[in-house]
Protein backbone atom coordinates (compact mmCIF):
# COMPACT_ATOMS: atom_id res chain seq x y z
CA MET A 1 0.00 -0.02 -0.04
CA SER A 2 1.41 3.38 -0.96
CA GLY A 3 1.75 6.15 1.46
CA VAL A 4 0.59 9.77 1.11
CA GLY A 5 2.77 11.54 -1.55
CA GLU A 6 4.22 8.35 -2.99
CA ARG A 7 3.97 7.59 -6.70
CA LEU A 8 1.38 4.94 -7.60
CA PRO A 9 3.18 1.60 -8.35
CA PRO A 10 2.51 0.67 -12.02
CA VAL A 11 1.26 -2.71 -11.00
CA ARG A 12 -1.28 -1.38 -8.66
CA LEU A 13 -2.24 1.26 -11.25
CA ALA A 14 -2.83 -1.55 -13.84
CA ALA A 15 -4.88 -3.44 -11.26
CA TYR A 16 -7.10 -0.48 -10.80
CA GLY A 17 -7.61 0.05 -14.59
CA ALA A 18 -8.29 -3.62 -15.34
CA LEU A 19 -12.03 -3.21 -14.39
CA GLY A 20 -12.31 -0.67 -17.34
CA LEU A 21 -11.94 -3.54 -19.77
CA PRO A 22 -15.17 -5.37 -19.18
CA LEU A 23 -17.16 -2.11 -18.48
CA ALA A 24 -16.11 -0.82 -22.04
CA ALA A 25 -16.51 -4.13 -23.55
CA ALA A 26 -20.08 -4.46 -22.24
CA ALA A 27 -20.94 -0.90 -23.41
CA LEU A 28 -20.02 -1.34 -27.04
CA PRO A 29 -22.65 -3.93 -27.93
CA VAL A 30 -25.48 -1.69 -26.42
CA TYR A 31 -24.39 1.51 -28.10
CA VAL A 32 -23.38 0.12 -31.45
CA TYR A 33 -24.80 -3.37 -32.02
CA ALA A 34 -28.16 -3.42 -30.41
CA PRO A 35 -30.09 -1.33 -32.94
CA LYS A 36 -28.94 -3.42 -35.91
CA PHE A 37 -29.25 -6.71 -34.09
CA TYR A 38 -32.92 -6.10 -33.12
CA ALA A 39 -33.54 -4.56 -36.65
CA GLY A 40 -32.37 -7.99 -37.96
CA LEU A 41 -34.96 -9.66 -35.73
CA GLY A 42 -37.77 -7.59 -37.28
CA MET A 43 -37.91 -4.33 -35.24
CA SER A 44 -37.95 -1.07 -37.12
CA LEU A 45 -35.06 1.38 -36.63
CA ALA A 46 -37.22 4.10 -35.35
CA PHE A 47 -38.88 1.81 -32.74
CA ALA A 48 -35.49 0.45 -31.61
CA GLY A 49 -34.12 4.00 -31.32
CA ALA A 50 -37.20 5.17 -29.37
CA ILE A 51 -36.75 2.24 -26.82
CA LEU A 52 -33.09 2.95 -26.41
CA LEU A 53 -33.78 6.74 -25.85
CA ALA A 54 -36.57 6.03 -23.28
CA ALA A 55 -34.58 3.33 -21.36
CA ARG A 56 -31.36 5.30 -21.29
CA VAL A 57 -32.99 8.57 -20.26
CA ALA A 58 -34.93 6.90 -17.44
CA ASP A 59 -31.61 5.36 -16.31
CA ALA A 60 -29.62 8.54 -16.70
CA ILE A 61 -32.05 10.33 -14.35
CA ILE A 62 -30.90 8.09 -11.37
CA ASP A 63 -27.08 8.41 -12.06
CA PRO A 64 -26.69 11.47 -9.68
CA TRP A 65 -28.43 9.53 -6.96
CA ILE A 66 -26.15 6.48 -7.61
CA GLY A 67 -23.16 8.83 -7.18
CA LEU A 68 -24.48 10.07 -3.97
CA VAL A 69 -24.85 6.48 -2.66
CA SER A 70 -21.33 5.68 -3.93
CA ASP A 71 -19.98 8.64 -1.82
CA ARG A 72 -21.78 7.44 1.22
CA THR A 73 -20.83 3.80 1.10
CA ARG A 74 -17.68 2.64 2.85
CA ARG A 75 -17.50 -0.69 0.97
CA SER A 76 -16.90 0.39 -2.57
CA ARG A 77 -15.45 -2.86 -3.60
CA LEU A 78 -18.71 -4.73 -2.54
CA PHE A 79 -20.75 -2.00 -4.30
CA ILE A 80 -18.97 -2.70 -7.49
CA ALA A 81 -19.23 -6.32 -7.19
CA LEU A 82 -22.97 -6.13 -6.68
CA ALA A 83 -23.44 -3.73 -9.55
CA LEU A 84 -21.77 -6.22 -12.02
CA LEU A 85 -24.43 -8.70 -11.47
CA PRO A 86 -27.19 -6.81 -13.44
CA LEU A 87 -24.72 -5.72 -15.96
CA VAL A 88 -23.59 -9.15 -16.91
CA SER A 89 -26.93 -10.86 -16.76
CA GLY A 90 -28.61 -8.01 -18.81
CA LEU A 91 -25.99 -8.14 -21.36
CA VAL A 92 -26.08 -11.94 -22.01
CA ALA A 93 -29.94 -11.85 -22.09
CA MET A 94 -30.10 -8.91 -24.45
CA PHE A 95 -28.34 -10.79 -27.23
CA ASN A 96 -29.76 -14.22 -26.39
CA PRO A 97 -33.54 -13.62 -26.46
CA PRO A 98 -35.63 -16.71 -26.11
CA ALA A 99 -37.53 -17.87 -29.20
CA GLY A 100 -40.83 -16.19 -29.33
CA ALA A 101 -40.01 -13.53 -26.64
CA PRO A 102 -41.74 -10.12 -27.29
CA LEU A 103 -38.85 -8.01 -28.65
CA ALA A 104 -39.80 -4.60 -27.29
CA PRO A 105 -40.22 -5.57 -23.61
CA TRP A 106 -37.24 -7.83 -23.75
CA LEU A 107 -35.00 -4.98 -25.04
CA ILE A 108 -36.38 -2.49 -22.57
CA ILE A 109 -35.78 -4.81 -19.54
CA THR A 110 -32.28 -5.85 -20.61
CA VAL A 111 -31.11 -2.37 -21.50
CA ALA A 112 -32.33 -1.24 -18.07
CA LEU A 113 -30.42 -3.98 -16.33
CA VAL A 114 -27.26 -3.28 -18.29
CA THR A 115 -27.30 0.54 -17.92
CA LEU A 116 -28.21 0.25 -14.27
CA GLY A 117 -25.41 -2.12 -13.42
CA TYR A 118 -22.99 -0.14 -15.70
CA SER A 119 -23.91 3.10 -14.03
CA ALA A 120 -23.29 1.92 -10.52
CA ALA A 121 -20.09 0.08 -11.32
CA SER A 122 -18.59 2.78 -13.60
CA ILE A 123 -19.47 5.68 -11.26
CA ALA A 124 -17.87 3.93 -8.23
CA HIS A 125 -14.84 2.97 -10.38
CA GLN A 126 -14.34 6.46 -11.67
CA ALA A 127 -14.78 8.04 -8.15
CA TRP A 128 -12.29 5.58 -6.86
CA GLY A 129 -9.81 6.68 -9.51
CA ALA A 130 -10.35 10.47 -8.74
CA ARG A 131 -8.99 9.62 -5.15
CA LEU A 132 -5.77 8.07 -6.51
CA GLY A 133 -2.62 9.96 -6.98
CA ASP A 134 -2.00 13.76 -7.25
CA ALA A 135 -2.45 16.31 -9.97
CA ARG A 136 0.54 15.09 -11.89
CA GLU A 137 -0.92 11.56 -11.90
CA ARG A 138 -4.45 12.14 -12.67
CA ALA A 139 -3.98 11.87 -16.41
CA SER A 140 -2.02 8.57 -15.91
CA VAL A 141 -4.86 7.16 -13.53
CA ALA A 142 -7.51 8.09 -16.22
CA ALA A 143 -5.20 6.70 -18.97
CA ALA A 144 -4.85 3.40 -17.18
CA ARG A 145 -8.56 3.04 -16.86
CA GLU A 146 -9.41 4.15 -20.41
CA GLY A 147 -6.40 2.15 -21.83
CA PHE A 148 -8.00 -1.09 -20.43
CA GLY A 149 -11.29 0.31 -21.61
CA LEU A 150 -9.95 0.55 -25.10
CA ALA A 151 -8.74 -3.02 -24.92
CA GLY A 152 -12.29 -4.03 -23.89
CA VAL A 153 -13.76 -2.18 -26.83
CA VAL A 154 -11.33 -3.82 -29.22
CA LEU A 155 -12.28 -7.17 -27.66
CA ALA A 156 -15.90 -6.48 -28.18
CA SER A 157 -15.43 -5.29 -31.74
CA LEU A 158 -13.57 -8.38 -32.83
CA LEU A 159 -15.05 -11.11 -30.61
CA PRO A 160 -18.39 -11.62 -32.35
CA GLN A 161 -16.74 -12.42 -35.71
CA ALA A 162 -14.55 -14.98 -33.96
CA PHE A 163 -17.66 -17.07 -33.39
CA ALA A 164 -19.51 -16.39 -36.64
CA PRO A 165 -19.09 -14.78 -40.03
CA SER A 166 -21.13 -11.62 -39.23
CA ILE A 167 -21.22 -9.54 -36.06
CA GLU A 168 -24.92 -10.06 -35.44
CA SER A 169 -24.73 -13.84 -35.44
CA GLY A 170 -21.77 -13.93 -33.34
CA LEU A 171 -23.06 -11.68 -30.54
CA PRO A 172 -24.88 -14.47 -28.57
CA ALA A 173 -21.71 -16.40 -27.99
CA ALA A 174 -19.57 -13.30 -27.63
CA THR A 175 -21.70 -12.03 -24.74
CA TRP A 176 -21.12 -15.20 -22.75
CA THR A 177 -17.29 -14.94 -23.33
CA LEU A 178 -17.59 -11.14 -22.07
CA ALA A 179 -19.33 -12.46 -18.91
CA GLY A 180 -16.32 -14.59 -18.08
CA VAL A 181 -13.89 -11.73 -18.85
CA THR A 182 -15.84 -9.52 -16.50
CA VAL A 183 -15.41 -12.00 -13.64
CA LEU A 184 -11.65 -12.16 -14.18
CA CYS A 185 -10.96 -8.52 -14.49
CA ALA A 186 -13.29 -7.63 -11.51
CA ALA A 187 -11.42 -10.15 -9.39
CA ILE A 188 -8.00 -8.38 -10.27
CA THR A 189 -9.35 -4.92 -9.46
CA LEU A 190 -11.21 -5.74 -6.38
CA SER A 191 -8.42 -7.64 -4.87
CA ALA A 192 -5.26 -5.84 -5.88
CA ALA A 193 -6.16 -2.13 -6.73
CA PRO A 194 -4.87 0.54 -4.24
CA ASP A 195 -7.25 1.51 -1.56
CA ALA A 196 -7.83 5.31 -2.18
CA VAL A 197 -9.28 5.93 1.38
CA ARG A 198 -6.18 4.43 3.19
CA MET A 199 -3.96 6.07 0.77
CA HIS A 200 -5.13 9.57 1.37
CA GLY A 201 -6.91 9.38 4.69
CA ALA A 202 -10.65 9.37 5.51
CA PRO A 203 -12.81 11.26 3.06
CA ALA A 204 -14.10 14.70 3.99
CA ALA A 205 -17.54 15.17 5.03
CA VAL A 206 -19.05 16.94 2.07
CA GLY A 207 -22.85 17.68 1.87
CA GLY A 208 -25.06 19.22 -0.79
CA GLY A 209 -26.85 16.12 -2.12
CA ALA A 210 -26.63 14.37 -5.48
CA PHE A 211 -26.54 17.66 -7.55
CA ARG A 212 -23.95 19.39 -5.42
CA ALA A 213 -21.48 19.50 -8.38
CA LEU A 214 -23.82 21.70 -10.45
CA ARG A 215 -23.25 24.53 -8.11
CA SER A 216 -19.62 24.69 -9.34
CA ARG A 217 -19.19 26.98 -12.38
CA SER A 218 -15.98 25.33 -13.55
CA PHE A 219 -17.80 21.94 -13.43
CA ARG A 220 -20.77 23.28 -15.45
CA LEU A 221 -18.35 24.61 -18.13
CA LEU A 222 -16.49 21.43 -18.28
CA LEU A 223 -19.61 19.28 -18.46
CA GLY A 224 -20.93 21.51 -21.26
CA VAL A 225 -17.88 20.90 -23.41
CA PHE A 226 -17.94 17.18 -22.49
CA ALA A 227 -21.50 17.05 -23.56
CA LEU A 228 -21.01 18.69 -26.99
CA ASN A 229 -17.95 16.55 -27.67
CA GLY A 230 -19.76 13.30 -26.44
CA ILE A 231 -22.79 13.94 -28.88
CA ALA A 232 -20.29 14.45 -31.61
CA SER A 233 -18.82 10.99 -30.82
CA ALA A 234 -22.15 9.21 -30.14
CA ILE A 235 -23.84 10.01 -33.48
CA PRO A 236 -21.18 8.28 -35.58
CA ALA A 237 -20.92 5.39 -33.06
CA THR A 238 -24.53 4.82 -33.47
CA LEU A 239 -24.46 4.99 -37.31
CA PHE A 240 -21.15 3.25 -37.74
CA LEU A 241 -22.45 -0.12 -39.03
CA PHE A 242 -24.97 1.46 -41.30
CA PHE A 243 -22.27 3.65 -42.84
CA VAL A 244 -19.94 0.67 -43.45
CA GLU A 245 -22.62 -1.44 -44.89
CA ASP A 246 -24.51 1.06 -47.03
CA VAL A 247 -22.12 3.81 -47.92
CA LEU A 248 -18.83 1.81 -48.15
CA GLU A 249 -20.64 -1.39 -48.94
CA THR A 250 -18.00 -3.44 -47.05
CA PRO A 251 -20.03 -4.92 -44.25
CA GLY A 252 -17.52 -7.82 -43.64
CA ALA A 253 -14.91 -5.24 -42.55
CA SER A 254 -16.81 -3.70 -39.70
CA GLY A 255 -14.89 -5.52 -36.93
CA ALA A 256 -11.60 -4.72 -38.49
CA PHE A 257 -12.47 -1.01 -38.83
CA LEU A 258 -13.59 -0.83 -35.19
CA GLY A 259 -10.54 -2.73 -34.02
CA LEU A 260 -8.23 -0.40 -35.95
CA TYR A 261 -10.01 2.68 -34.49
CA PHE A 262 -9.75 1.51 -30.88
CA MET A 263 -6.24 0.06 -31.13
CA SER A 264 -5.07 3.44 -32.58
CA ALA A 265 -6.58 5.16 -29.52
CA ALA A 266 -4.78 2.85 -27.20
CA VAL A 267 -1.47 3.40 -28.91
CA ALA A 268 -2.04 7.15 -28.71
CA LEU A 269 -3.08 7.37 -25.09
CA PRO A 270 0.52 7.59 -23.70
CA LEU A 271 1.41 10.25 -26.24
CA TRP A 272 -1.67 12.34 -25.08
CA VAL A 273 -0.52 11.98 -21.48
CA ARG A 274 2.96 13.30 -22.43
CA ILE A 275 1.41 16.17 -24.44
CA SER A 276 -0.79 17.19 -21.46
CA VAL A 277 2.32 17.36 -19.27
CA ARG A 278 3.88 19.77 -21.71
CA THR A 279 0.89 21.92 -22.78
CA GLY A 280 -1.88 21.24 -20.16
CA LYS A 281 -4.79 19.02 -20.23
CA ARG A 282 -7.05 21.52 -21.84
CA ARG A 283 -4.79 22.31 -24.85
CA ALA A 284 -4.08 18.55 -25.30
CA TRP A 285 -7.89 17.88 -25.41
CA GLY A 286 -8.35 20.72 -28.03
CA LEU A 287 -5.60 19.36 -30.17
CA GLY A 288 -7.32 16.00 -30.06
CA MET A 289 -10.63 17.42 -31.18
CA ALA A 290 -8.88 19.40 -34.09
CA LEU A 291 -7.24 16.09 -35.20
CA ALA A 292 -10.62 14.27 -35.04
CA ILE A 293 -12.29 17.00 -37.27
CA ALA A 294 -9.41 17.01 -39.83
CA ALA A 295 -9.51 13.31 -40.11
CA PHE A 296 -13.24 12.74 -39.96
CA ALA A 297 -14.52 15.34 -42.28
CA TRP A 298 -12.81 13.36 -45.05
CA ALA A 299 -15.28 10.49 -44.57
CA PHE A 300 -18.16 12.66 -46.10
CA PHE A 301 -16.61 12.16 -49.55
CA LEU A 302 -16.28 8.41 -49.35
CA GLN A 303 -18.09 6.13 -51.67
CA SER A 304 -18.63 2.39 -52.14
CA GLY A 305 -15.39 0.50 -52.06
CA ASP A 306 -13.35 3.16 -50.31
CA GLY A 307 -12.39 0.84 -47.59
CA PHE A 308 -8.64 1.62 -47.48
CA ALA A 309 -9.42 5.45 -47.17
CA PHE A 310 -11.75 4.76 -44.40
CA ALA A 311 -9.09 2.67 -42.64
CA ILE A 312 -6.85 5.70 -42.66
CA ILE A 313 -9.68 7.74 -41.18
CA CYS A 314 -10.19 5.16 -38.56
CA ALA A 315 -6.56 5.17 -37.56
CA ALA A 316 -6.36 9.04 -37.44
CA SER A 317 -9.67 9.51 -35.72
CA GLY A 318 -8.88 6.70 -33.24
CA ALA A 319 -5.57 8.38 -32.31
CA ALA A 320 -7.71 11.55 -31.55
CA LEU A 321 -9.95 9.50 -29.40
CA GLY A 322 -7.13 8.93 -26.95
CA ALA A 323 -7.35 12.65 -25.91
CA ASP A 324 -11.13 12.30 -25.60
CA LEU A 325 -10.60 9.44 -23.13
CA ALA A 326 -7.76 10.60 -21.04
CA MET A 327 -8.30 14.39 -20.67
CA PRO A 328 -11.87 14.95 -19.60
CA PRO A 329 -11.73 12.66 -16.47
CA ALA A 330 -8.42 14.03 -15.52
CA MET A 331 -9.78 17.56 -15.78
CA LEU A 332 -12.77 16.49 -13.78
CA ALA A 333 -10.50 15.17 -11.05
CA ASP A 334 -8.69 18.45 -11.13
CA THR A 335 -11.95 20.32 -10.73
CA ILE A 336 -13.04 18.18 -7.88
CA ALA A 337 -9.77 18.98 -6.11
CA LYS A 338 -10.05 22.70 -6.77
CA ASP A 339 -13.64 22.78 -5.50
CA GLY A 340 -12.46 21.15 -2.26
CA ALA A 341 -14.86 18.33 -2.86
CA ARG A 342 -12.77 15.32 -1.79
CA GLY A 343 -15.13 12.63 -0.51
CA ALA A 344 -17.88 13.78 -2.87
CA GLU A 345 -16.37 12.46 -6.16
CA GLY A 346 -19.52 10.33 -6.88
CA SER A 347 -21.71 13.38 -6.81
CA TYR A 348 -19.61 14.73 -9.73
CA PHE A 349 -19.26 11.61 -11.69
CA GLY A 350 -23.07 10.96 -11.30
CA PRO A 351 -24.19 14.03 -13.46
CA TRP A 352 -21.06 13.27 -15.67
CA ASN A 353 -22.47 9.70 -16.41
CA THR A 354 -25.92 11.09 -16.86
CA VAL A 355 -24.63 13.41 -19.62
CA THR A 356 -22.69 10.48 -21.23
CA LYS A 357 -25.87 8.45 -21.25
CA LEU A 358 -28.00 11.25 -22.67
CA ASN A 359 -25.55 11.80 -25.54
CA LEU A 360 -25.79 8.16 -26.45
CA ALA A 361 -29.66 8.14 -25.96
CA LEU A 362 -30.09 11.32 -28.14
CA ALA A 363 -27.86 9.86 -30.75
CA ALA A 364 -29.88 6.64 -31.03
CA GLY A 365 -33.34 8.30 -30.39
CA LEU A 366 -32.81 11.13 -32.79
CA ALA A 367 -30.43 10.10 -35.57
CA LEU A 368 -32.13 6.73 -36.30
CA PRO A 369 -35.63 8.10 -36.72
CA ILE A 370 -34.41 10.93 -38.84
CA LEU A 371 -32.64 8.54 -41.10
CA GLU A 372 -35.79 6.52 -41.42
CA TRP A 373 -37.81 9.64 -42.12
CA THR A 374 -35.45 10.52 -44.97
CA GLY A 375 -36.25 7.22 -46.63
CA TYR A 376 -33.22 5.25 -45.45
CA ARG A 377 -33.58 1.49 -45.09
CA SER A 378 -30.84 -0.64 -43.59
CA GLY A 379 -29.31 -2.86 -46.30
CA VAL A 380 -30.45 -0.69 -49.15
CA PRO A 381 -27.61 1.46 -50.28
CA ALA A 382 -29.75 3.51 -52.73
CA THR A 383 -31.65 5.04 -49.81
CA ALA A 384 -28.36 6.22 -47.86
CA ALA A 385 -28.14 9.65 -49.47
CA PHE A 386 -28.44 11.59 -46.13
CA LEU A 387 -26.33 9.02 -44.18
CA PRO A 388 -22.92 10.65 -44.81
CA MET A 389 -24.26 14.10 -43.74
CA ALA A 390 -25.53 12.54 -40.35
CA TYR A 391 -22.44 10.43 -39.96
CA CYS A 392 -19.75 13.02 -40.78
CA VAL A 393 -20.87 16.67 -41.10
CA ILE A 394 -23.06 16.99 -38.01
CA PRO A 395 -20.41 15.43 -35.60
CA CYS A 396 -17.61 17.80 -36.95
CA GLY A 397 -19.84 20.84 -36.42
CA LEU A 398 -20.54 19.78 -32.76
CA LYS A 399 -16.88 19.30 -32.25
CA LEU A 400 -16.07 22.82 -33.40
CA LEU A 401 -18.62 24.06 -30.92
CA ALA A 402 -16.83 22.04 -28.26
CA ILE A 403 -13.49 23.51 -29.15
CA GLY A 404 -15.08 26.96 -28.68
CA GLY A 405 -16.39 26.00 -25.21
CA LEU A 406 -13.02 24.57 -24.25
CA ALA A 407 -11.43 28.04 -24.88
CA ARG A 408 -13.44 29.28 -21.77
CA LEU A 409 -11.87 26.79 -19.40
CA ARG A 410 -8.76 27.05 -17.40
CA ASP A 411 -6.17 24.28 -16.73
């Protein structure tokens, strides 16, 4: 166990980050694969989007209260372990619906289970990380968590096609494998990660309830930038499979594109940490957004068969993703410290996760119906005229707004 002021041992830092792998791996199927999976079972895209929007909004509302409970519990390891039960069971059930099961209720219930478990586990895990290390180490703590998270996303993107030729047909077996991975990684984190309370002393008694963080102007500004940037990322995540299938017309390469994207982010993570040391976290994040716009705008001009060009875009925008993953939570930890809110980390990460979920819910609940209203039909490339606009141009515009908001923040 490290003492106050000591550097975090790399092995213990890795043990803390390990839980990020199954949490991220579980999130990808819900955010990216579920709409197309259920569309393949006969559900309309608009209806699937509406279900995801309603379920995620309802779940997001309780995130600040989960953060408050996380702050008040003194048994965070047990809290995380219990949260993983609905996460794992809901994920497996979502992609293994019984024959003849009513699809809409099944999707609503399983999404609720997954997001509830994910919220509780991830908020507690993020709050734990915010209590580790000092200002110099916060980017490294976040990078450790997000680095394992990227490994989880790569695993989730490649695993389905290890079991079957297509992602959709491989998902049932893949989710059972992810359940086993979750048990293994949780055991590592819960048994070997540093104990933040013992490292830094007992938490300060901080009141103010579940929405305490919203009284902080610096938090509100950071949250606004995070929201704009998050929506910019959530829209193409929701539309990715449709873009690859009906614009590029290379559906068999979906897993490889996703793997390249997230592996590029993992490789770039240490570089963004080093850049943040030299330039500050705010400037590093802004550079990452600018790189994403420069790379991603190119995708608007792609046509059928442009798989190689899209691979380059995936690599460049994936590298930019590294800044999106490491800098915001590190800046949030800095904000918590500046606000004197040690011991109330969960009340900050609760609204933070609410915004994350609302971003994803809005992307699914708005982008999918809009596409359907423009006449788009999955699997019919001739109807995909508006898809490049939704996939590329709108996200780049949102990122430009986020860069403008970032200029109002201070390191």
